[in-house]
Amino acid sequence: MSPDQEPTPAADRPRASAGRPLRAHARRNRENLVAAARAAFTAADDTVPLEGIARDAGVGIGTLYRHFPTREALVEAVYAAELDDVTGSAPASLLKELPPEQALRAWMERYAAFVATKRAMLNTLHSGWASGRLATPATRERITAAIGALLAEGVRAGSLRGDVEPDDVTAMLLGVFLSTAADDEPERTGRLLDLVVDALRPPGS
């Protein structure tokens, strides 16, 4: 058993069939656990105790294990929720509220928050992906598709360049996040993201 796989107490293992929908109370508990884990992983740079996550969610450790039998299962749920937030409806909802270049900049902030959350989960994710216990997500492809949708709207509006490949923007953003990973200066990250957006504007705009 890997260090990231924590055994589920026998009395706390789920009795319902795997395909049975969660009841409202159980669903709320699961949502609270994922929310507490997201907050804990964002704030921490090292391993996060599962007992603390359960306490922050207002449930017992047995309830956590009923929903997430291993640390990997909890990390996978948090990662999936974060990725869905960044690549799902976020670009479209931002475009409804903001001009394309502002929507892109606001989306970059969400992407930065996603990267910050993932740092505390990296060891568990990497071991799970390497062993095959966790499915390897198409993270970069989904991120690049979200960027592509935002760029396309900006090109139509005339506020963003039309000669930029979305994957090049992904590479630029990853460079920003890697270069600021050891910093505790969100203002510096913000300045670098502003420069990325400036580079995507048409010449003379």
N, C-alpha and C. Protein backbone atom coordinates (compact mmCIF):
# COMPACT_ATOMS: atom_id res chain seq x y z
N MET A 1 0.86 -1.21 0.00
CA MET A 1 0.00 0.00 0.00
C MET A 1 0.88 1.24 0.00
N SER A 2 0.58 2.20 -0.86
CA SER A 2 1.41 3.39 -0.97
C SER A 2 1.16 4.30 0.23
N PRO A 3 2.11 5.19 0.52
CA PRO A 3 1.93 6.11 1.65
C PRO A 3 0.70 6.97 1.51
N ASP A 4 0.27 7.20 0.27
CA ASP A 4 -0.89 8.07 0.07
C ASP A 4 -2.21 7.33 0.22
N GLN A 5 -2.17 5.98 0.31
CA GLN A 5 -3.38 5.22 0.47
C GLN A 5 -3.60 4.93 1.94
N GLU A 6 -4.56 5.57 2.55
CA GLU A 6 -4.84 5.40 3.96
C GLU A 6 -6.02 4.45 4.09
N PRO A 7 -5.88 3.40 4.92
CA PRO A 7 -6.91 2.38 4.99
C PRO A 7 -8.22 2.91 5.53
N THR A 8 -9.30 2.40 5.00
CA THR A 8 -10.62 2.78 5.47
C THR A 8 -11.01 1.88 6.63
N PRO A 9 -11.37 2.45 7.78
CA PRO A 9 -11.84 1.62 8.89
C PRO A 9 -13.03 0.79 8.43
N ALA A 10 -13.04 -0.51 8.82
CA ALA A 10 -14.08 -1.42 8.35
C ALA A 10 -15.47 -0.92 8.68
N ALA A 11 -15.65 -0.34 9.86
CA ALA A 11 -16.98 0.11 10.27
C ALA A 11 -17.44 1.32 9.48
N ASP A 12 -16.49 1.98 8.83
CA ASP A 12 -16.82 3.22 8.15
C ASP A 12 -16.92 3.06 6.64
N ARG A 13 -16.75 1.85 6.13
CA ARG A 13 -16.83 1.69 4.69
C ARG A 13 -18.26 1.82 4.21
N PRO A 14 -18.44 2.39 2.99
CA PRO A 14 -19.80 2.60 2.51
C PRO A 14 -20.54 1.31 2.29
N ARG A 15 -21.84 1.28 2.66
CA ARG A 15 -22.65 0.09 2.49
C ARG A 15 -23.51 0.17 1.24
N ALA A 16 -23.72 1.39 0.71
CA ALA A 16 -24.56 1.54 -0.47
C ALA A 16 -23.82 1.04 -1.69
N SER A 17 -24.57 0.63 -2.70
CA SER A 17 -23.96 0.18 -3.93
C SER A 17 -23.28 1.35 -4.61
N ALA A 18 -22.26 1.03 -5.45
CA ALA A 18 -21.46 2.09 -6.04
C ALA A 18 -22.28 3.01 -6.93
N GLY A 19 -23.33 2.49 -7.54
CA GLY A 19 -24.09 3.30 -8.47
C GLY A 19 -25.26 4.04 -7.86
N ARG A 20 -25.54 3.85 -6.58
CA ARG A 20 -26.70 4.49 -5.95
C ARG A 20 -26.44 5.98 -5.78
N PRO A 21 -27.40 6.83 -6.19
CA PRO A 21 -27.21 8.27 -6.01
C PRO A 21 -27.10 8.63 -4.53
N LEU A 22 -26.30 9.64 -4.24
CA LEU A 22 -26.14 10.08 -2.87
C LEU A 22 -27.41 10.79 -2.40
N ARG A 23 -27.79 10.54 -1.16
CA ARG A 23 -28.88 11.29 -0.57
C ARG A 23 -28.44 12.73 -0.33
N ALA A 24 -29.43 13.60 -0.12
CA ALA A 24 -29.12 15.03 -0.01
C ALA A 24 -28.10 15.30 1.10
N HIS A 25 -28.27 14.66 2.25
CA HIS A 25 -27.35 14.90 3.37
C HIS A 25 -25.95 14.40 3.03
N ALA A 26 -25.88 13.22 2.43
CA ALA A 26 -24.57 12.68 2.05
C ALA A 26 -23.92 13.53 0.96
N ARG A 27 -24.74 14.04 0.05
CA ARG A 27 -24.21 14.88 -1.02
C ARG A 27 -23.64 16.18 -0.43
N ARG A 28 -24.35 16.76 0.55
CA ARG A 28 -23.84 17.97 1.19
C ARG A 28 -22.53 17.70 1.91
N ASN A 29 -22.45 16.56 2.58
CA ASN A 29 -21.21 16.20 3.26
C ASN A 29 -20.05 16.08 2.27
N ARG A 30 -20.32 15.45 1.14
CA ARG A 30 -19.27 15.29 0.13
C ARG A 30 -18.83 16.64 -0.41
N GLU A 31 -19.80 17.50 -0.70
CA GLU A 31 -19.47 18.84 -1.22
C GLU A 31 -18.68 19.64 -0.18
N ASN A 32 -19.06 19.52 1.09
CA ASN A 32 -18.34 20.24 2.15
C ASN A 32 -16.91 19.71 2.28
N LEU A 33 -16.75 18.40 2.15
CA LEU A 33 -15.41 17.82 2.23
C LEU A 33 -14.53 18.30 1.08
N VAL A 34 -15.06 18.31 -0.13
CA VAL A 34 -14.29 18.78 -1.27
C VAL A 34 -13.93 20.25 -1.11
N ALA A 35 -14.89 21.07 -0.64
CA ALA A 35 -14.63 22.49 -0.44
C ALA A 35 -13.55 22.70 0.63
N ALA A 36 -13.64 21.95 1.73
CA ALA A 36 -12.64 22.08 2.80
C ALA A 36 -11.27 21.63 2.31
N ALA A 37 -11.24 20.56 1.52
CA ALA A 37 -9.97 20.07 0.99
C ALA A 37 -9.36 21.07 0.02
N ARG A 38 -10.19 21.69 -0.81
CA ARG A 38 -9.68 22.69 -1.74
C ARG A 38 -9.03 23.85 -0.98
N ALA A 39 -9.69 24.31 0.07
CA ALA A 39 -9.14 25.40 0.86
C ALA A 39 -7.84 24.98 1.55
N ALA A 40 -7.81 23.76 2.07
CA ALA A 40 -6.62 23.28 2.78
C ALA A 40 -5.44 23.10 1.83
N PHE A 41 -5.69 22.54 0.66
CA PHE A 41 -4.61 22.33 -0.29
C PHE A 41 -4.07 23.66 -0.83
N THR A 42 -4.94 24.64 -0.97
CA THR A 42 -4.50 25.95 -1.44
C THR A 42 -3.59 26.62 -0.42
N ALA A 43 -3.90 26.45 0.87
CA ALA A 43 -3.16 27.13 1.93
C ALA A 43 -1.87 26.42 2.31
N ALA A 44 -1.75 25.14 1.98
CA ALA A 44 -0.62 24.35 2.46
C ALA A 44 0.40 24.09 1.36
N ASP A 45 1.65 23.92 1.75
CA ASP A 45 2.71 23.55 0.82
C ASP A 45 3.12 22.10 1.01
N ASP A 46 2.61 21.46 2.04
CA ASP A 46 3.02 20.09 2.37
C ASP A 46 1.77 19.23 2.53
N THR A 47 1.96 18.01 3.03
CA THR A 47 0.85 17.09 3.20
C THR A 47 -0.18 17.67 4.16
N VAL A 48 -1.44 17.57 3.77
CA VAL A 48 -2.54 18.10 4.58
C VAL A 48 -3.17 16.94 5.36
N PRO A 49 -3.27 17.03 6.69
CA PRO A 49 -3.88 15.94 7.47
C PRO A 49 -5.36 15.80 7.13
N LEU A 50 -5.79 14.57 6.90
CA LEU A 50 -7.19 14.34 6.55
C LEU A 50 -8.11 14.67 7.73
N GLU A 51 -7.61 14.48 8.95
CA GLU A 51 -8.44 14.80 10.11
C GLU A 51 -8.81 16.28 10.13
N GLY A 52 -7.86 17.15 9.73
CA GLY A 52 -8.14 18.57 9.70
C GLY A 52 -9.17 18.92 8.64
N ILE A 53 -9.13 18.23 7.50
CA ILE A 53 -10.11 18.47 6.45
C ILE A 53 -11.50 18.08 6.93
N ALA A 54 -11.59 16.92 7.59
CA ALA A 54 -12.89 16.48 8.12
C ALA A 54 -13.42 17.48 9.13
N ARG A 55 -12.55 17.95 10.00
CA ARG A 55 -12.97 18.93 11.03
C ARG A 55 -13.46 20.22 10.38
N ASP A 56 -12.73 20.70 9.38
CA ASP A 56 -13.13 21.94 8.70
C ASP A 56 -14.45 21.77 7.96
N ALA A 57 -14.74 20.54 7.51
CA ALA A 57 -15.99 20.28 6.80
C ALA A 57 -17.15 20.04 7.75
N GLY A 58 -16.85 19.95 9.05
CA GLY A 58 -17.90 19.73 10.03
C GLY A 58 -18.39 18.30 10.11
N VAL A 59 -17.51 17.34 9.74
CA VAL A 59 -17.89 15.93 9.80
C VAL A 59 -16.78 15.15 10.51
N GLY A 60 -17.07 13.90 10.82
CA GLY A 60 -16.07 13.04 11.43
C GLY A 60 -15.18 12.40 10.38
N ILE A 61 -14.07 11.84 10.84
CA ILE A 61 -13.13 11.20 9.91
C ILE A 61 -13.77 9.99 9.23
N GLY A 62 -14.68 9.32 9.92
CA GLY A 62 -15.36 8.19 9.31
C GLY A 62 -16.20 8.61 8.12
N THR A 63 -16.83 9.76 8.21
CA THR A 63 -17.62 10.27 7.08
C THR A 63 -16.71 10.57 5.90
N LEU A 64 -15.54 11.15 6.17
CA LEU A 64 -14.59 11.41 5.09
C LEU A 64 -14.23 10.11 4.38
N TYR A 65 -13.91 9.06 5.17
CA TYR A 65 -13.52 7.79 4.57
C TYR A 65 -14.67 7.11 3.83
N ARG A 66 -15.89 7.36 4.25
CA ARG A 66 -17.01 6.78 3.52
C ARG A 66 -17.09 7.34 2.10
N HIS A 67 -16.77 8.62 1.96
CA HIS A 67 -16.82 9.24 0.64
C HIS A 67 -15.51 9.07 -0.13
N PHE A 68 -14.39 9.09 0.59
CA PHE A 68 -13.08 9.03 -0.04
C PHE A 68 -12.22 8.02 0.71
N PRO A 69 -12.24 6.75 0.28
CA PRO A 69 -11.54 5.69 1.02
C PRO A 69 -10.03 5.89 1.13
N THR A 70 -9.44 6.68 0.22
CA THR A 70 -8.00 6.94 0.27
C THR A 70 -7.74 8.43 0.06
N ARG A 71 -6.55 8.86 0.43
CA ARG A 71 -6.14 10.24 0.16
C ARG A 71 -6.20 10.52 -1.34
N GLU A 72 -5.78 9.55 -2.14
CA GLU A 72 -5.78 9.73 -3.58
C GLU A 72 -7.19 10.03 -4.10
N ALA A 73 -8.18 9.35 -3.55
CA ALA A 73 -9.56 9.57 -4.00
C ALA A 73 -10.00 11.00 -3.71
N LEU A 74 -9.63 11.53 -2.55
CA LEU A 74 -9.99 12.90 -2.20
C LEU A 74 -9.24 13.89 -3.10
N VAL A 75 -7.96 13.66 -3.29
CA VAL A 75 -7.16 14.55 -4.14
C VAL A 75 -7.71 14.55 -5.56
N GLU A 76 -8.08 13.38 -6.06
CA GLU A 76 -8.62 13.30 -7.42
C GLU A 76 -9.92 14.10 -7.54
N ALA A 77 -10.78 14.03 -6.51
CA ALA A 77 -12.04 14.76 -6.53
C ALA A 77 -11.79 16.27 -6.52
N VAL A 78 -10.84 16.71 -5.70
CA VAL A 78 -10.52 18.13 -5.65
C VAL A 78 -9.93 18.60 -6.98
N TYR A 79 -9.01 17.83 -7.51
CA TYR A 79 -8.39 18.19 -8.79
C TYR A 79 -9.44 18.29 -9.90
N ALA A 80 -10.35 17.32 -9.95
CA ALA A 80 -11.40 17.33 -10.97
C ALA A 80 -12.30 18.54 -10.83
N ALA A 81 -12.65 18.87 -9.58
CA ALA A 81 -13.52 20.03 -9.35
C ALA A 81 -12.82 21.32 -9.76
N GLU A 82 -11.54 21.45 -9.43
CA GLU A 82 -10.79 22.65 -9.81
C GLU A 82 -10.67 22.76 -11.33
N LEU A 83 -10.36 21.66 -11.98
CA LEU A 83 -10.19 21.68 -13.43
C LEU A 83 -11.51 22.01 -14.12
N ASP A 84 -12.61 21.45 -13.61
CA ASP A 84 -13.92 21.77 -14.18
C ASP A 84 -14.24 23.25 -14.03
N ASP A 85 -13.90 23.83 -12.88
CA ASP A 85 -14.15 25.25 -12.65
C ASP A 85 -13.40 26.13 -13.67
N VAL A 86 -12.16 25.74 -13.95
CA VAL A 86 -11.32 26.56 -14.82
C VAL A 86 -11.69 26.38 -16.29
N THR A 87 -12.02 25.16 -16.69
CA THR A 87 -12.19 24.89 -18.12
C THR A 87 -13.65 24.70 -18.53
N GLY A 88 -14.56 24.61 -17.58
CA GLY A 88 -15.95 24.34 -17.92
C GLY A 88 -16.68 25.59 -18.38
N SER A 89 -17.55 26.09 -17.52
CA SER A 89 -18.38 27.24 -17.88
C SER A 89 -17.70 28.58 -17.61
N ALA A 90 -16.53 28.57 -16.97
CA ALA A 90 -15.88 29.83 -16.59
C ALA A 90 -15.63 30.76 -17.77
N PRO A 91 -15.03 30.32 -18.88
CA PRO A 91 -14.80 31.26 -19.99
C PRO A 91 -16.08 31.89 -20.51
N ALA A 92 -17.13 31.07 -20.71
CA ALA A 92 -18.39 31.59 -21.24
C ALA A 92 -19.03 32.57 -20.28
N SER A 93 -19.01 32.25 -18.97
CA SER A 93 -19.64 33.14 -18.00
C SER A 93 -18.89 34.46 -17.88
N LEU A 94 -17.57 34.42 -17.97
CA LEU A 94 -16.79 35.66 -17.92
C LEU A 94 -17.04 36.52 -19.16
N LEU A 95 -17.19 35.87 -20.31
CA LEU A 95 -17.44 36.62 -21.54
C LEU A 95 -18.80 37.29 -21.54
N LYS A 96 -19.73 36.76 -20.76
CA LYS A 96 -21.03 37.41 -20.64
C LYS A 96 -20.96 38.70 -19.83
N GLU A 97 -19.95 38.76 -18.95
CA GLU A 97 -19.85 39.89 -18.03
C GLU A 97 -18.82 40.93 -18.44
N LEU A 98 -17.81 40.51 -19.21
CA LEU A 98 -16.66 41.38 -19.48
C LEU A 98 -16.29 41.37 -20.95
N PRO A 99 -15.63 42.43 -21.43
CA PRO A 99 -15.05 42.40 -22.77
C PRO A 99 -14.01 41.27 -22.85
N PRO A 100 -13.74 40.74 -24.05
CA PRO A 100 -12.88 39.56 -24.16
C PRO A 100 -11.52 39.66 -23.49
N GLU A 101 -10.82 40.82 -23.67
CA GLU A 101 -9.48 40.91 -23.07
C GLU A 101 -9.56 40.94 -21.55
N GLN A 102 -10.62 41.56 -20.99
CA GLN A 102 -10.79 41.55 -19.54
C GLN A 102 -11.22 40.17 -19.05
N ALA A 103 -12.04 39.50 -19.85
CA ALA A 103 -12.45 38.13 -19.48
C ALA A 103 -11.24 37.20 -19.46
N LEU A 104 -10.34 37.37 -20.44
CA LEU A 104 -9.13 36.55 -20.47
C LEU A 104 -8.28 36.81 -19.23
N ARG A 105 -8.12 38.08 -18.86
CA ARG A 105 -7.30 38.40 -17.68
C ARG A 105 -7.94 37.84 -16.41
N ALA A 106 -9.27 37.93 -16.29
CA ALA A 106 -9.95 37.38 -15.12
C ALA A 106 -9.82 35.86 -15.09
N TRP A 107 -9.90 35.25 -16.26
CA TRP A 107 -9.75 33.79 -16.33
C TRP A 107 -8.34 33.37 -15.89
N MET A 108 -7.34 34.16 -16.25
CA MET A 108 -5.97 33.85 -15.84
C MET A 108 -5.85 33.80 -14.32
N GLU A 109 -6.58 34.66 -13.63
CA GLU A 109 -6.57 34.64 -12.17
C GLU A 109 -7.12 33.30 -11.66
N ARG A 110 -8.17 32.82 -12.30
CA ARG A 110 -8.73 31.53 -11.90
C ARG A 110 -7.74 30.40 -12.16
N TYR A 111 -7.08 30.48 -13.30
CA TYR A 111 -6.07 29.48 -13.62
C TYR A 111 -4.93 29.52 -12.60
N ALA A 112 -4.52 30.71 -12.20
CA ALA A 112 -3.47 30.84 -11.18
C ALA A 112 -3.90 30.20 -9.87
N ALA A 113 -5.17 30.38 -9.49
CA ALA A 113 -5.67 29.76 -8.26
C ALA A 113 -5.67 28.25 -8.39
N PHE A 114 -6.01 27.74 -9.57
CA PHE A 114 -5.98 26.30 -9.82
C PHE A 114 -4.57 25.75 -9.64
N VAL A 115 -3.59 26.44 -10.21
CA VAL A 115 -2.20 26.00 -10.09
C VAL A 115 -1.75 26.02 -8.64
N ALA A 116 -2.15 27.06 -7.89
CA ALA A 116 -1.77 27.16 -6.48
C ALA A 116 -2.34 26.00 -5.68
N THR A 117 -3.58 25.62 -5.97
CA THR A 117 -4.19 24.49 -5.27
C THR A 117 -3.46 23.20 -5.59
N LYS A 118 -3.06 23.04 -6.85
CA LYS A 118 -2.45 21.79 -7.28
C LYS A 118 -1.10 21.54 -6.65
N ARG A 119 -0.38 22.59 -6.24
CA ARG A 119 0.98 22.40 -5.71
C ARG A 119 0.99 21.49 -4.50
N ALA A 120 0.01 21.62 -3.62
CA ALA A 120 -0.02 20.80 -2.41
C ALA A 120 -0.50 19.39 -2.70
N MET A 121 -0.97 19.13 -3.92
CA MET A 121 -1.46 17.80 -4.27
C MET A 121 -0.52 17.05 -5.20
N LEU A 122 0.59 17.70 -5.61
CA LEU A 122 1.41 17.14 -6.69
C LEU A 122 1.94 15.75 -6.39
N ASN A 123 2.47 15.54 -5.18
CA ASN A 123 3.06 14.23 -4.88
C ASN A 123 2.02 13.12 -4.99
N THR A 124 0.84 13.36 -4.44
CA THR A 124 -0.22 12.35 -4.51
C THR A 124 -0.68 12.14 -5.94
N LEU A 125 -0.85 13.22 -6.69
CA LEU A 125 -1.27 13.10 -8.09
C LEU A 125 -0.24 12.35 -8.91
N HIS A 126 1.03 12.71 -8.76
CA HIS A 126 2.07 12.08 -9.56
C HIS A 126 2.17 10.58 -9.28
N SER A 127 2.11 10.22 -7.98
CA SER A 127 2.20 8.80 -7.64
C SER A 127 0.99 8.04 -8.17
N GLY A 128 -0.19 8.67 -8.10
CA GLY A 128 -1.40 8.01 -8.61
C GLY A 128 -1.38 7.86 -10.11
N TRP A 129 -0.92 8.91 -10.83
CA TRP A 129 -0.84 8.82 -12.29
C TRP A 129 0.20 7.79 -12.71
N ALA A 130 1.36 7.78 -12.02
CA ALA A 130 2.43 6.85 -12.39
C ALA A 130 2.01 5.40 -12.19
N SER A 131 1.25 5.14 -11.12
CA SER A 131 0.85 3.76 -10.81
C SER A 131 -0.38 3.32 -11.60
N GLY A 132 -1.09 4.28 -12.20
CA GLY A 132 -2.31 3.94 -12.91
C GLY A 132 -3.54 3.92 -12.03
N ARG A 133 -3.37 4.21 -10.73
CA ARG A 133 -4.53 4.22 -9.83
C ARG A 133 -5.44 5.41 -10.14
N LEU A 134 -4.86 6.49 -10.67
CA LEU A 134 -5.64 7.66 -11.08
C LEU A 134 -5.50 7.84 -12.58
N ALA A 135 -6.59 8.18 -13.22
CA ALA A 135 -6.55 8.43 -14.65
C ALA A 135 -5.82 9.74 -14.92
N THR A 136 -4.96 9.76 -15.93
CA THR A 136 -4.24 10.98 -16.28
C THR A 136 -5.19 11.90 -17.04
N PRO A 137 -5.48 13.07 -16.50
CA PRO A 137 -6.44 13.96 -17.16
C PRO A 137 -5.79 14.71 -18.33
N ALA A 138 -6.60 15.12 -19.27
CA ALA A 138 -6.11 15.90 -20.41
C ALA A 138 -6.08 17.37 -20.01
N THR A 139 -5.30 17.67 -18.97
CA THR A 139 -5.33 19.00 -18.38
C THR A 139 -4.91 20.08 -19.37
N ARG A 140 -3.76 19.89 -20.00
CA ARG A 140 -3.25 20.94 -20.89
C ARG A 140 -4.20 21.16 -22.06
N GLU A 141 -4.75 20.08 -22.61
CA GLU A 141 -5.67 20.23 -23.73
C GLU A 141 -6.91 21.04 -23.33
N ARG A 142 -7.42 20.78 -22.14
CA ARG A 142 -8.61 21.50 -21.69
C ARG A 142 -8.30 22.97 -21.38
N ILE A 143 -7.14 23.22 -20.79
CA ILE A 143 -6.73 24.60 -20.52
C ILE A 143 -6.56 25.35 -21.84
N THR A 144 -5.90 24.73 -22.80
CA THR A 144 -5.65 25.38 -24.09
C THR A 144 -6.96 25.63 -24.83
N ALA A 145 -7.92 24.72 -24.72
CA ALA A 145 -9.22 24.93 -25.36
C ALA A 145 -9.94 26.13 -24.76
N ALA A 146 -9.85 26.29 -23.44
CA ALA A 146 -10.47 27.45 -22.78
C ALA A 146 -9.82 28.74 -23.25
N ILE A 147 -8.49 28.75 -23.34
CA ILE A 147 -7.78 29.93 -23.83
C ILE A 147 -8.20 30.23 -25.28
N GLY A 148 -8.32 29.17 -26.08
CA GLY A 148 -8.71 29.35 -27.48
C GLY A 148 -10.07 30.01 -27.61
N ALA A 149 -11.01 29.63 -26.76
CA ALA A 149 -12.35 30.23 -26.82
C ALA A 149 -12.29 31.72 -26.47
N LEU A 150 -11.49 32.08 -25.48
CA LEU A 150 -11.36 33.47 -25.08
C LEU A 150 -10.64 34.29 -26.16
N LEU A 151 -9.59 33.72 -26.74
CA LEU A 151 -8.87 34.42 -27.80
C LEU A 151 -9.77 34.66 -29.01
N ALA A 152 -10.56 33.65 -29.37
CA ALA A 152 -11.43 33.77 -30.55
C ALA A 152 -12.41 34.93 -30.39
N GLU A 153 -12.95 35.08 -29.19
CA GLU A 153 -13.87 36.20 -28.95
C GLU A 153 -13.14 37.54 -29.03
N GLY A 154 -11.91 37.55 -28.54
CA GLY A 154 -11.13 38.78 -28.62
C GLY A 154 -10.77 39.15 -30.04
N VAL A 155 -10.48 38.15 -30.86
CA VAL A 155 -10.18 38.40 -32.28
C VAL A 155 -11.41 38.98 -32.97
N ARG A 156 -12.58 38.41 -32.69
CA ARG A 156 -13.82 38.91 -33.30
C ARG A 156 -14.10 40.35 -32.88
N ALA A 157 -13.76 40.66 -31.62
CA ALA A 157 -14.00 42.02 -31.13
C ALA A 157 -12.90 43.00 -31.54
N GLY A 158 -11.80 42.47 -32.08
CA GLY A 158 -10.69 43.33 -32.48
C GLY A 158 -9.80 43.75 -31.34
N SER A 159 -9.95 43.13 -30.17
CA SER A 159 -9.16 43.54 -29.00
C SER A 159 -8.00 42.60 -28.70
N LEU A 160 -7.93 41.46 -29.40
CA LEU A 160 -6.83 40.51 -29.21
C LEU A 160 -6.29 40.09 -30.57
N ARG A 161 -5.03 39.75 -30.61
CA ARG A 161 -4.37 39.39 -31.86
C ARG A 161 -4.93 38.09 -32.43
N GLY A 162 -4.91 38.01 -33.76
CA GLY A 162 -5.39 36.80 -34.41
C GLY A 162 -4.29 35.87 -34.85
N ASP A 163 -3.03 36.21 -34.57
CA ASP A 163 -1.90 35.39 -35.03
C ASP A 163 -1.25 34.63 -33.87
N VAL A 164 -2.01 34.37 -32.83
CA VAL A 164 -1.48 33.71 -31.63
C VAL A 164 -2.08 32.33 -31.49
N GLU A 165 -1.23 31.34 -31.25
CA GLU A 165 -1.70 29.97 -31.00
C GLU A 165 -2.07 29.83 -29.53
N PRO A 166 -3.25 29.28 -29.22
CA PRO A 166 -3.64 29.11 -27.81
C PRO A 166 -2.61 28.34 -26.99
N ASP A 167 -1.97 27.34 -27.58
CA ASP A 167 -1.00 26.56 -26.81
C ASP A 167 0.22 27.39 -26.46
N ASP A 168 0.55 28.40 -27.28
CA ASP A 168 1.66 29.29 -26.93
C ASP A 168 1.31 30.11 -25.69
N VAL A 169 0.05 30.50 -25.58
CA VAL A 169 -0.38 31.24 -24.38
C VAL A 169 -0.31 30.33 -23.16
N THR A 170 -0.72 29.07 -23.33
CA THR A 170 -0.60 28.11 -22.23
C THR A 170 0.84 28.02 -21.76
N ALA A 171 1.78 27.94 -22.71
CA ALA A 171 3.20 27.85 -22.35
C ALA A 171 3.66 29.10 -21.62
N MET A 172 3.20 30.27 -22.06
CA MET A 172 3.57 31.52 -21.39
C MET A 172 3.06 31.53 -19.95
N LEU A 173 1.82 31.10 -19.77
CA LEU A 173 1.25 31.10 -18.41
C LEU A 173 1.98 30.11 -17.51
N LEU A 174 2.31 28.95 -18.04
CA LEU A 174 3.05 27.98 -17.22
C LEU A 174 4.41 28.55 -16.83
N GLY A 175 5.02 29.32 -17.74
CA GLY A 175 6.29 29.96 -17.41
C GLY A 175 6.13 30.96 -16.27
N VAL A 176 5.04 31.72 -16.30
CA VAL A 176 4.76 32.67 -15.21
C VAL A 176 4.63 31.93 -13.89
N PHE A 177 3.83 30.86 -13.88
CA PHE A 177 3.57 30.17 -12.63
C PHE A 177 4.81 29.44 -12.11
N LEU A 178 5.62 28.89 -13.01
CA LEU A 178 6.84 28.22 -12.58
C LEU A 178 7.85 29.23 -12.02
N SER A 179 7.93 30.38 -12.64
CA SER A 179 8.91 31.37 -12.20
C SER A 179 8.52 32.03 -10.88
N THR A 180 7.25 31.96 -10.51
CA THR A 180 6.80 32.59 -9.26
C THR A 180 6.42 31.56 -8.20
N ALA A 181 6.70 30.27 -8.48
CA ALA A 181 6.27 29.21 -7.56
C ALA A 181 6.85 29.36 -6.17
N ALA A 182 8.09 29.84 -6.09
CA ALA A 182 8.75 29.96 -4.78
C ALA A 182 8.47 31.31 -4.12
N ASP A 183 7.78 32.19 -4.81
CA ASP A 183 7.52 33.53 -4.26
C ASP A 183 6.23 33.52 -3.45
N ASP A 184 6.17 34.43 -2.51
CA ASP A 184 4.92 34.70 -1.81
C ASP A 184 4.48 36.11 -2.17
N GLU A 185 4.48 36.37 -3.48
CA GLU A 185 4.18 37.71 -3.97
C GLU A 185 3.11 37.63 -5.06
N PRO A 186 1.83 37.56 -4.68
CA PRO A 186 0.78 37.52 -5.70
C PRO A 186 0.79 38.75 -6.59
N GLU A 187 1.31 39.88 -6.08
CA GLU A 187 1.37 41.08 -6.91
C GLU A 187 2.30 40.88 -8.10
N ARG A 188 3.39 40.14 -7.89
CA ARG A 188 4.33 39.88 -9.00
C ARG A 188 3.66 39.00 -10.04
N THR A 189 2.95 37.98 -9.59
CA THR A 189 2.22 37.13 -10.54
C THR A 189 1.23 37.97 -11.34
N GLY A 190 0.54 38.87 -10.65
CA GLY A 190 -0.43 39.73 -11.33
C GLY A 190 0.23 40.61 -12.38
N ARG A 191 1.40 41.16 -12.06
CA ARG A 191 2.10 42.01 -13.03
C ARG A 191 2.50 41.22 -14.27
N LEU A 192 2.97 39.99 -14.05
CA LEU A 192 3.38 39.16 -15.18
C LEU A 192 2.17 38.77 -16.04
N LEU A 193 1.05 38.50 -15.41
CA LEU A 193 -0.15 38.19 -16.18
C LEU A 193 -0.61 39.40 -16.99
N ASP A 194 -0.47 40.59 -16.41
CA ASP A 194 -0.80 41.80 -17.16
C ASP A 194 0.08 41.92 -18.41
N LEU A 195 1.36 41.57 -18.27
CA LEU A 195 2.26 41.63 -19.42
C LEU A 195 1.86 40.63 -20.49
N VAL A 196 1.41 39.44 -20.08
CA VAL A 196 0.95 38.44 -21.05
C VAL A 196 -0.23 38.99 -21.84
N VAL A 197 -1.20 39.57 -21.15
CA VAL A 197 -2.37 40.13 -21.83
C VAL A 197 -1.96 41.26 -22.76
N ASP A 198 -1.04 42.11 -22.30
CA ASP A 198 -0.56 43.20 -23.15
C ASP A 198 0.07 42.66 -24.45
N ALA A 199 0.79 41.55 -24.33
CA ALA A 199 1.43 40.96 -25.50
C ALA A 199 0.42 40.38 -26.48
N LEU A 200 -0.80 40.11 -26.02
CA LEU A 200 -1.82 39.52 -26.86
C LEU A 200 -2.70 40.57 -27.55
N ARG A 201 -2.50 41.85 -27.20
CA ARG A 201 -3.27 42.91 -27.85
C ARG A 201 -2.68 43.24 -29.22
N PRO A 202 -3.52 43.66 -30.15
CA PRO A 202 -3.00 44.02 -31.49
C PRO A 202 -2.01 45.17 -31.39
N PRO A 203 -1.00 45.22 -32.25
CA PRO A 203 -0.04 46.34 -32.24
C PRO A 203 -0.76 47.67 -32.39
N GLY A 204 -0.35 48.64 -31.59
CA GLY A 204 -0.92 49.97 -31.68
C GLY A 204 -2.24 50.15 -30.94
N SER A 205 -2.71 49.06 -30.26
CA SER A 205 -3.99 49.20 -29.55
C SER A 205 -3.78 49.85 -28.19
